[in-house]
């Protein structure tokens, strides 16, 4: 490449420099040739070369998902500068660059580049301008990609909700038939004293009830997602609801030697809310606490008066356990549907077995019920600890009226 060709190329980058200054830069630069698919520089590496593309094309990308995939930031061609900010800031490369065709480059090492910057501060200004233009273009592209991704995710979420709804309705019909024949069979065998038959029938009955509960949870979550959760605002006797919910789970807790206790503050106001939904939310919170509390632990259900941020009087329910706790990174995600802290591999069929997991819908339903009432739900925990069992406190706050 002749000197004049170098100057013509440099003029694309450093528009405000005189030709004599461009000639100085050209004298300090060298021409290099690379084949297609050659890695010019690597993200995170400290390198000492500035590249100006004279001919051919390159891809600027970052590695994602443990370097198993690449995200293309931009495509470059003649006149593009690569690696200038890494040299100016003496920092590692912020992205990798690979040739996508045979390429010719004009290159300068760090020492010569610093000499040029000292003599010509305008070069730094020009480079910063080029970099800012590139950043604006990258931002525009990223925003467009995020908007497209969000649109896809929203559609996927709608598809998921519709699938759950259809599946739940399809399961409900055969379940009703099974339950009907089971009741008929049990009514036809009252005089047969056969422990094995009784055990089999009881097993079928338990499994059917469990499946009914799962189907109902699926239907609840579809109603919440679609905004069709109906709330019947009625007087709610808070203390009776607490006692009833605890009583329904006494046997499940007793199987694991977990102590359930109730704290009810006398000045707690009664609610004007949906008693069925409030009981359902407390039930899911207690089930969650039982599952993540070791055998011999304790769980306390409490209700006390409180006030929402807007000044509205409220009832604050809390479920405090002596369980394994929850790291801060999960505090918000735990209320998303299907979210599992421990992963599917640890899933257990036991409804209240220790760390047994579940459908991933219970806490999402709690959040949906809280939102439908104009309330909120959240969790506080010092973190996951299976040695000292720091535990967690789940809160549900509902406006009094």
Protein backbone atom coordinates (compact mmCIF):
# COMPACT_ATOMS: atom_id res chain seq x y z
CA UNK A 1 0.00 0.00 0.00
CA UNK A 2 1.47 3.34 -1.09
CA UNK A 3 1.77 6.30 1.30
CA UNK A 4 -1.00 8.18 -0.48
CA UNK A 5 -3.34 5.20 -0.14
CA UNK A 6 -2.63 5.13 3.60
CA UNK A 7 -3.39 8.85 3.87
CA UNK A 8 -6.68 8.40 2.00
CA UNK A 9 -7.66 5.65 4.41
CA UNK A 10 -6.64 7.68 7.48
CA UNK A 11 -8.63 10.66 6.21
CA UNK A 12 -11.81 8.56 6.65
CA UNK A 13 -11.04 8.30 10.37
CA UNK A 14 -9.28 11.57 11.23
CA UNK A 15 -11.29 14.05 9.22
CA UNK A 16 -9.92 17.21 10.88
CA UNK A 17 -6.19 16.45 10.57
CA UNK A 18 -4.03 18.06 7.93
CA UNK A 19 -2.36 15.87 5.33
CA UNK A 20 1.09 16.32 6.89
CA UNK A 21 -0.21 14.97 10.20
CA UNK A 22 -1.85 12.06 8.39
CA UNK A 23 1.45 11.38 6.67
CA UNK A 24 3.18 11.12 10.07
CA UNK A 25 0.65 8.53 11.18
CA UNK A 26 0.99 6.67 7.89
CA UNK A 27 4.76 6.47 8.30
CA UNK A 28 4.35 4.80 11.71
CA UNK A 29 1.75 2.28 10.56
CA UNK A 30 2.17 -1.02 8.76
CA UNK A 31 -0.01 -2.98 6.37
CA UNK A 32 -1.06 -6.54 7.30
CA UNK A 33 -3.18 -9.17 5.54
CA UNK A 34 -5.41 -11.76 7.23
CA UNK A 35 -7.51 -14.65 5.94
CA UNK A 36 -11.21 -15.02 6.64
CA UNK A 37 -12.19 -16.26 10.13
CA UNK A 38 -9.01 -14.89 11.72
CA UNK A 39 -9.32 -13.58 15.31
CA UNK A 40 -7.82 -10.09 15.34
CA UNK A 41 -8.34 -9.51 19.06
CA UNK A 42 -10.03 -11.25 21.96
CA UNK A 43 -12.41 -9.89 24.59
CA UNK A 44 -10.72 -9.43 27.98
CA UNK A 45 -7.16 -9.59 26.59
CA UNK A 46 -4.58 -6.84 27.06
CA UNK A 47 -3.27 -6.18 23.54
CA UNK A 48 -1.11 -3.43 22.05
CA UNK A 49 -2.34 -3.04 18.48
CA UNK A 50 -4.71 -0.52 16.90
CA UNK A 51 -6.34 -1.71 13.67
CA UNK A 52 -7.86 0.31 10.83
CA UNK A 53 -9.71 -1.81 8.27
CA UNK A 54 -8.46 -1.01 4.76
CA UNK A 55 -10.24 -3.77 2.89
CA UNK A 56 -12.61 -6.65 3.78
CA UNK A 57 -15.09 -7.09 6.61
CA UNK A 58 -15.00 -7.99 10.31
CA UNK A 59 -17.48 -9.02 13.01
CA UNK A 60 -17.32 -7.43 16.47
CA UNK A 61 -18.88 -9.75 19.05
CA UNK A 62 -19.07 -10.75 22.71
CA UNK A 63 -19.25 -14.25 24.11
CA UNK A 64 -22.30 -15.23 26.17
CA UNK A 65 -23.53 -18.29 28.08
CA UNK A 66 -20.07 -19.43 29.22
CA UNK A 67 -18.54 -18.73 25.79
CA UNK A 68 -20.88 -21.24 24.15
CA UNK A 69 -22.58 -18.54 22.06
CA UNK A 70 -21.66 -15.24 20.45
CA UNK A 71 -23.63 -11.99 20.36
CA UNK A 72 -22.73 -9.83 17.37
CA UNK A 73 -22.43 -6.16 18.32
CA UNK A 74 -21.76 -4.83 14.84
CA UNK A 75 -20.19 -5.55 11.47
CA UNK A 76 -17.26 -3.46 10.27
CA UNK A 77 -15.58 -2.59 6.99
CA UNK A 78 -13.27 -0.09 5.36
CA UNK A 79 -12.44 2.86 7.64
CA UNK A 80 -13.45 1.16 10.89
CA UNK A 81 -11.07 1.57 13.85
CA UNK A 82 -10.61 -1.32 16.26
CA UNK A 83 -8.97 -1.25 19.68
CA UNK A 84 -8.44 2.49 20.05
CA UNK A 85 -10.22 2.86 23.42
CA UNK A 86 -8.37 -0.10 24.90
CA UNK A 87 -5.08 1.67 24.11
CA UNK A 88 -6.27 5.10 25.30
CA UNK A 89 -7.59 3.69 28.59
CA UNK A 90 -4.89 0.99 28.93
CA UNK A 91 -7.73 -1.49 29.46
CA UNK A 92 -8.52 -5.01 28.20
CA UNK A 93 -10.50 -5.45 25.00
CA UNK A 94 -14.24 -4.97 25.53
CA UNK A 95 -15.12 -7.29 22.62
CA UNK A 96 -13.61 -9.80 20.22
CA UNK A 97 -13.09 -9.11 16.50
CA UNK A 98 -12.97 -11.75 13.78
CA UNK A 99 -12.50 -11.32 10.04
CA UNK A 100 -15.46 -12.48 7.98
CA UNK A 101 -13.57 -12.19 4.69
CA UNK A 102 -9.92 -11.80 3.68
CA UNK A 103 -8.87 -8.47 5.24
CA UNK A 104 -6.17 -5.85 4.84
CA UNK A 105 -5.47 -3.67 7.86
CA UNK A 106 -3.39 -0.65 8.75
CA UNK A 107 -1.87 -1.28 12.19
CA UNK A 108 -0.01 0.70 14.81
CA UNK A 109 1.50 -0.49 18.09
CA UNK A 110 0.89 1.15 21.46
CA UNK A 111 4.19 3.04 21.63
CA UNK A 112 3.76 4.72 18.24
CA UNK A 113 0.09 5.40 18.96
CA UNK A 114 0.99 7.21 22.20
CA UNK A 115 3.56 9.30 20.34
CA UNK A 116 0.95 10.32 17.78
CA UNK A 117 -1.57 11.19 20.52
CA UNK A 118 1.01 13.38 22.26
CA UNK A 119 1.72 15.30 19.05
CA UNK A 120 -1.90 15.41 17.84
CA UNK A 121 -4.54 15.66 20.62
CA UNK A 122 -7.11 16.10 17.86
CA UNK A 123 -6.73 12.39 17.09
CA UNK A 124 -8.04 11.50 20.56
CA UNK A 125 -11.01 13.84 20.04
CA UNK A 126 -11.76 12.27 16.65
CA UNK A 127 -11.51 8.77 18.09
CA UNK A 128 -13.82 9.61 20.98
CA UNK A 129 -16.32 11.01 18.46
CA UNK A 130 -16.13 7.81 16.42
CA UNK A 131 -16.56 5.74 19.58
CA UNK A 132 -19.59 7.75 20.72
CA UNK A 133 -21.23 7.34 17.30
CA UNK A 134 -20.58 3.61 17.53
CA UNK A 135 -22.03 3.46 21.06
CA UNK A 136 -25.19 5.27 19.93
CA UNK A 137 -25.60 2.85 17.04
CA UNK A 138 -25.02 -0.11 19.37
CA UNK A 139 -27.59 1.26 21.82
CA UNK A 140 -30.14 1.67 19.03
CA UNK A 141 -29.53 -1.89 17.87
CA UNK A 142 -29.68 -3.32 21.40
CA UNK A 143 -32.94 -1.48 22.17
CA UNK A 144 -34.48 -2.81 18.96
CA UNK A 145 -33.35 -6.35 19.86
CA UNK A 146 -34.74 -6.01 23.41
CA UNK A 147 -38.09 -4.80 22.08
CA UNK A 148 -38.25 -7.76 19.71
CA UNK A 149 -37.21 -10.18 22.47
CA UNK A 150 -39.79 -8.75 24.88
CA UNK A 151 -42.50 -9.17 22.27
CA UNK A 152 -41.48 -12.81 21.77
CA UNK A 153 -41.38 -13.42 25.54
CA UNK A 154 -44.84 -11.91 26.01
CA UNK A 155 -46.22 -14.16 23.29
CA UNK A 156 -44.49 -17.19 24.83
CA UNK A 157 -45.97 -16.30 28.24
CA UNK A 158 -49.44 -16.05 26.69
CA UNK A 159 -48.91 -19.41 24.99
CA UNK A 160 -47.81 -20.93 28.28
CA UNK A 161 -50.88 -19.60 30.08
CA UNK A 162 -53.21 -20.90 27.37
CA UNK A 163 -51.48 -24.30 27.46
CA UNK A 164 -51.92 -24.52 31.24
CA UNK A 165 -55.57 -23.56 30.96
CA UNK A 166 -56.31 -26.13 28.24
CA UNK A 167 -54.34 -28.85 30.06
CA UNK A 168 -56.13 -28.17 33.33
CA UNK A 169 -59.56 -28.36 31.72
CA UNK A 170 -58.63 -31.54 29.83
CA UNK A 171 -57.41 -33.18 33.06
CA UNK A 172 -60.46 -32.20 35.03
CA UNK A 173 -62.90 -34.30 32.97
CA UNK A 174 -61.17 -37.70 33.39
CA UNK A 175 -60.45 -36.83 37.01
CA UNK A 176 -64.16 -36.33 37.64
CA UNK A 177 -64.90 -39.72 36.08
CA UNK A 178 -62.18 -41.44 38.17
CA UNK A 179 -63.45 -39.80 41.35
CA UNK A 180 -67.04 -40.80 40.58
CA UNK A 181 -66.17 -44.48 40.00
CA UNK A 182 -63.94 -44.44 43.10
CA UNK A 183 -66.79 -43.16 45.28
CA UNK A 184 -69.10 -45.78 43.76
CA UNK A 185 -66.59 -48.56 44.40
CA UNK A 186 -66.09 -47.49 48.01
CA UNK A 187 -69.86 -47.42 48.57
CA UNK A 188 -70.22 -50.96 47.12
CA UNK A 189 -67.63 -52.53 49.42
CA UNK A 190 -68.64 -51.53 52.95
CA UNK A 191 -69.03 -55.10 54.13
CA UNK A 192 -65.79 -56.47 52.76
CA UNK A 193 -63.16 -56.49 55.47
CA UNK A 194 -60.08 -56.50 53.31
CA UNK A 195 -57.23 -54.28 54.45
CA UNK A 196 -55.41 -54.55 51.13
CA UNK A 197 -58.46 -53.33 49.18
CA UNK A 198 -58.94 -50.47 51.65
CA UNK A 199 -55.28 -49.50 51.29
CA UNK A 200 -55.48 -49.54 47.48
CA UNK A 201 -58.66 -47.46 47.46
CA UNK A 202 -57.17 -44.98 49.92
CA UNK A 203 -54.07 -44.64 47.71
CA UNK A 204 -56.21 -43.96 44.65
CA UNK A 205 -58.27 -41.44 46.60
CA UNK A 206 -55.17 -39.61 47.88
CA UNK A 207 -53.64 -39.45 44.42
CA UNK A 208 -56.86 -38.18 42.90
CA UNK A 209 -57.16 -35.43 45.51
CA UNK A 210 -53.57 -34.38 44.92
CA UNK A 211 -54.15 -34.21 41.18
CA UNK A 212 -57.32 -32.17 41.76
CA UNK A 213 -55.29 -29.69 43.82
CA UNK A 214 -52.70 -29.35 41.05
CA UNK A 215 -55.37 -28.82 38.40
CA UNK A 216 -57.06 -26.17 40.56
CA UNK A 217 -53.73 -24.40 41.05
CA UNK A 218 -53.20 -24.40 37.28
CA UNK A 219 -56.63 -22.85 36.79
CA UNK A 220 -55.94 -20.26 39.51
CA UNK A 221 -52.73 -19.14 37.83
CA UNK A 222 -54.43 -18.81 34.43
CA UNK A 223 -57.12 -16.63 36.02
CA UNK A 224 -54.44 -14.48 37.63
CA UNK A 225 -52.45 -14.14 34.40
CA UNK A 226 -55.52 -13.25 32.36
CA UNK A 227 -56.85 -10.80 34.96
CA UNK A 228 -59.97 -12.91 35.50
CA UNK A 229 -59.46 -13.73 39.18
CA UNK A 230 -62.80 -12.83 40.74
CA UNK A 231 -62.70 -11.36 44.23
CA UNK A 232 -65.81 -11.48 46.40
CA UNK A 233 -65.36 -8.72 48.97
CA UNK A 234 -67.00 -10.04 52.13
CA UNK A 235 -66.35 -9.67 55.87
CA UNK A 236 -63.46 -11.98 56.81
CA UNK A 237 -63.15 -13.10 60.45
CA UNK A 238 -59.36 -13.13 60.49
CA UNK A 239 -58.79 -15.19 63.63
CA UNK A 240 -61.16 -17.97 62.51
CA UNK A 241 -59.50 -18.11 59.08
CA UNK A 242 -56.07 -18.44 60.72
CA UNK A 243 -57.26 -21.22 63.02
CA UNK A 244 -58.97 -23.08 60.20
CA UNK A 245 -55.89 -22.90 57.96
CA UNK A 246 -53.57 -24.14 60.71
CA UNK A 247 -55.94 -26.96 61.61
CA UNK A 248 -56.05 -28.16 58.00
CA UNK A 249 -52.27 -28.62 58.04
CA UNK A 250 -51.82 -30.03 61.55
CA UNK A 251 -51.50 -33.64 60.40
CA UNK A 252 -49.02 -32.77 57.61
CA UNK A 253 -46.84 -30.87 60.10
CA UNK A 254 -47.16 -33.60 62.74
CA UNK A 255 -45.82 -36.21 60.28
CA UNK A 256 -42.58 -34.21 60.20
CA UNK A 257 -42.65 -33.27 63.91
CA UNK A 258 -42.97 -29.59 62.98
CA UNK A 259 -44.65 -27.35 65.55
CA UNK A 260 -47.28 -24.94 64.22
CA UNK A 261 -48.21 -21.96 66.38
CA UNK A 262 -50.45 -18.92 66.03
CA UNK A 263 -49.96 -15.33 67.18
CA UNK A 264 -53.04 -13.16 66.82
CA UNK A 265 -52.92 -9.54 67.98
CA UNK A 266 -56.26 -8.59 69.58
CA UNK A 267 -56.43 -5.21 67.82
CA UNK A 268 -56.11 -6.80 64.37
CA UNK A 269 -59.02 -5.55 62.24
CA UNK A 270 -61.24 -7.92 60.32
CA UNK A 271 -60.95 -7.73 56.57
CA UNK A 272 -63.40 -6.98 53.83
CA UNK A 273 -61.90 -9.35 51.30
CA UNK A 274 -62.40 -12.75 49.68
CA UNK A 275 -62.25 -15.29 52.55
CA UNK A 276 -61.64 -18.24 50.18
CA UNK A 277 -58.72 -16.50 48.49
CA UNK A 278 -57.20 -15.28 51.77
CA UNK A 279 -57.35 -18.80 53.18
CA UNK A 280 -55.84 -20.16 49.95
CA UNK A 281 -52.94 -17.67 50.11
CA UNK A 282 -52.17 -18.54 53.75
CA UNK A 283 -52.41 -22.24 52.90
CA UNK A 284 -49.76 -21.88 50.17
CA UNK A 285 -47.47 -19.88 52.46
CA UNK A 286 -47.71 -22.54 55.18
CA UNK A 287 -47.19 -25.40 52.71
CA UNK A 288 -44.06 -23.63 51.46
CA UNK A 289 -42.79 -23.18 55.02
CA UNK A 290 -43.38 -26.85 55.89
CA UNK A 291 -41.53 -28.04 52.78
CA UNK A 292 -38.41 -26.02 53.56
CA UNK A 293 -38.30 -26.54 57.32
CA UNK A 294 -36.42 -29.63 58.58
CA UNK A 295 -38.08 -32.24 60.76
CA UNK A 296 -38.48 -30.99 64.32
CA UNK A 297 -38.63 -27.33 63.27
CA UNK A 298 -41.23 -24.71 64.07
CA UNK A 299 -43.49 -22.40 62.06
CA UNK A 300 -45.37 -19.39 63.39
CA UNK A 301 -48.38 -17.83 61.67
CA UNK A 302 -49.01 -14.27 62.83
CA UNK A 303 -51.57 -11.55 62.10
CA UNK A 304 -51.31 -7.96 63.25
CA UNK A 305 -52.56 -4.50 62.28
CA UNK A 306 -50.46 -2.49 59.84
CA UNK A 307 -50.64 0.38 57.37
CA UNK A 308 -49.88 0.38 53.64
CA UNK A 309 -47.65 3.01 52.04
CA UNK A 310 -50.72 5.02 50.96
CA UNK A 311 -51.95 5.22 54.55
CA UNK A 312 -54.64 2.55 54.22
CA UNK A 313 -55.18 0.37 57.29
CA UNK A 314 -54.24 -3.23 56.64
CA UNK A 315 -53.69 -6.66 58.13
CA UNK A 316 -50.16 -8.01 57.89
CA UNK A 317 -49.92 -11.80 57.91
CA UNK A 318 -46.53 -13.43 58.33
CA UNK A 319 -45.31 -17.01 58.21
CA UNK A 320 -42.01 -17.43 60.03
CA UNK A 321 -40.13 -20.73 59.76
CA UNK A 322 -36.92 -22.24 61.08
CA UNK A 323 -36.02 -23.57 57.65
CA UNK A 324 -33.12 -23.48 55.24
CA UNK A 325 -33.53 -19.80 54.33
CA UNK A 326 -33.37 -18.07 50.98
CA UNK A 327 -30.57 -16.10 49.33
CA UNK A 328 -31.32 -12.50 48.35
CA UNK A 329 -31.08 -13.22 44.62
CA UNK A 330 -34.24 -15.37 44.89
CA UNK A 331 -36.36 -12.98 46.98
CA UNK A 332 -38.27 -11.57 44.00
CA UNK A 333 -37.97 -14.51 41.60
CA UNK A 334 -39.53 -16.94 44.09
CA UNK A 335 -42.95 -15.38 43.36
CA UNK A 336 -42.69 -16.04 39.62
CA UNK A 337 -44.70 -19.00 38.33
CA UNK A 338 -42.75 -22.24 37.83
CA UNK A 339 -39.63 -20.78 39.50
CA UNK A 340 -37.68 -23.45 41.38
CA UNK A 341 -34.77 -22.57 43.66
CA UNK A 342 -33.43 -26.12 43.93
CA UNK A 343 -34.11 -27.24 40.36
CA UNK A 344 -36.25 -30.02 38.92
CA UNK A 345 -33.68 -32.71 39.79
CA UNK A 346 -34.61 -32.39 43.48
CA UNK A 347 -38.34 -32.52 42.86
CA UNK A 348 -40.31 -34.91 45.06
CA UNK A 349 -43.82 -36.22 44.76
CA UNK A 350 -44.41 -35.61 48.46
CA UNK A 351 -46.63 -32.60 49.02
CA UNK A 352 -44.89 -31.58 52.26
CA UNK A 353 -41.67 -33.62 52.18
CA UNK A 354 -38.50 -31.73 53.15
CA UNK A 355 -37.15 -29.71 50.17
CA UNK A 356 -39.62 -31.60 48.02
CA UNK A 357 -40.28 -28.79 45.58
CA UNK A 358 -43.66 -28.52 43.94
CA UNK A 359 -45.43 -27.17 40.89
CA UNK A 360 -43.85 -23.74 41.29
CA UNK A 361 -47.29 -22.11 41.35
CA UNK A 362 -48.09 -21.68 45.06
CA UNK A 363 -46.21 -18.44 45.74
CA UNK A 364 -47.22 -17.04 42.34
CA UNK A 365 -50.84 -17.56 43.39
CA UNK A 366 -50.13 -15.79 46.71
CA UNK A 367 -48.78 -12.79 44.81
CA UNK A 368 -51.77 -12.81 42.45
CA UNK A 369 -54.21 -12.88 45.38
CA UNK A 370 -52.36 -10.05 47.13
CA UNK A 371 -52.42 -7.95 43.96
CA UNK A 372 -56.11 -8.64 43.35
CA UNK A 373 -56.85 -7.23 46.81
CA UNK A 374 -54.60 -4.17 46.39
CA UNK A 375 -52.06 -5.65 48.79
CA UNK A 376 -48.54 -7.05 48.51
CA UNK A 377 -46.37 -10.01 49.45
CA UNK A 378 -42.64 -10.33 50.03
CA UNK A 379 -40.02 -12.39 51.85
CA UNK A 380 -37.22 -11.62 54.27
CA UNK A 381 -34.36 -14.04 54.89
CA UNK A 382 -30.73 -13.83 55.98
CA UNK A 383 -29.79 -16.32 53.28
CA UNK A 384 -29.64 -20.03 52.52
CA UNK A 385 -28.07 -21.95 55.42
CA UNK A 386 -28.58 -25.67 56.03
CA UNK A 387 -26.31 -25.75 59.08
CA UNK A 388 -27.75 -23.02 61.30
CA UNK A 389 -31.18 -22.87 59.57
CA UNK A 390 -31.61 -19.10 59.52
CA UNK A 391 -35.18 -19.46 58.23
CA UNK A 392 -37.42 -17.08 56.32
CA UNK A 393 -40.40 -14.83 56.98
CA UNK A 394 -43.03 -14.56 54.22
CA UNK A 395 -45.40 -11.59 54.46
CA UNK A 396 -48.86 -11.04 53.04
CA UNK A 397 -50.40 -7.61 53.57
CA UNK A 398 -54.06 -7.00 52.69
CA UNK A 399 -55.99 -3.71 52.97
CA UNK A 400 -58.58 -3.83 55.73
CA UNK A 401 -61.27 -2.58 53.33
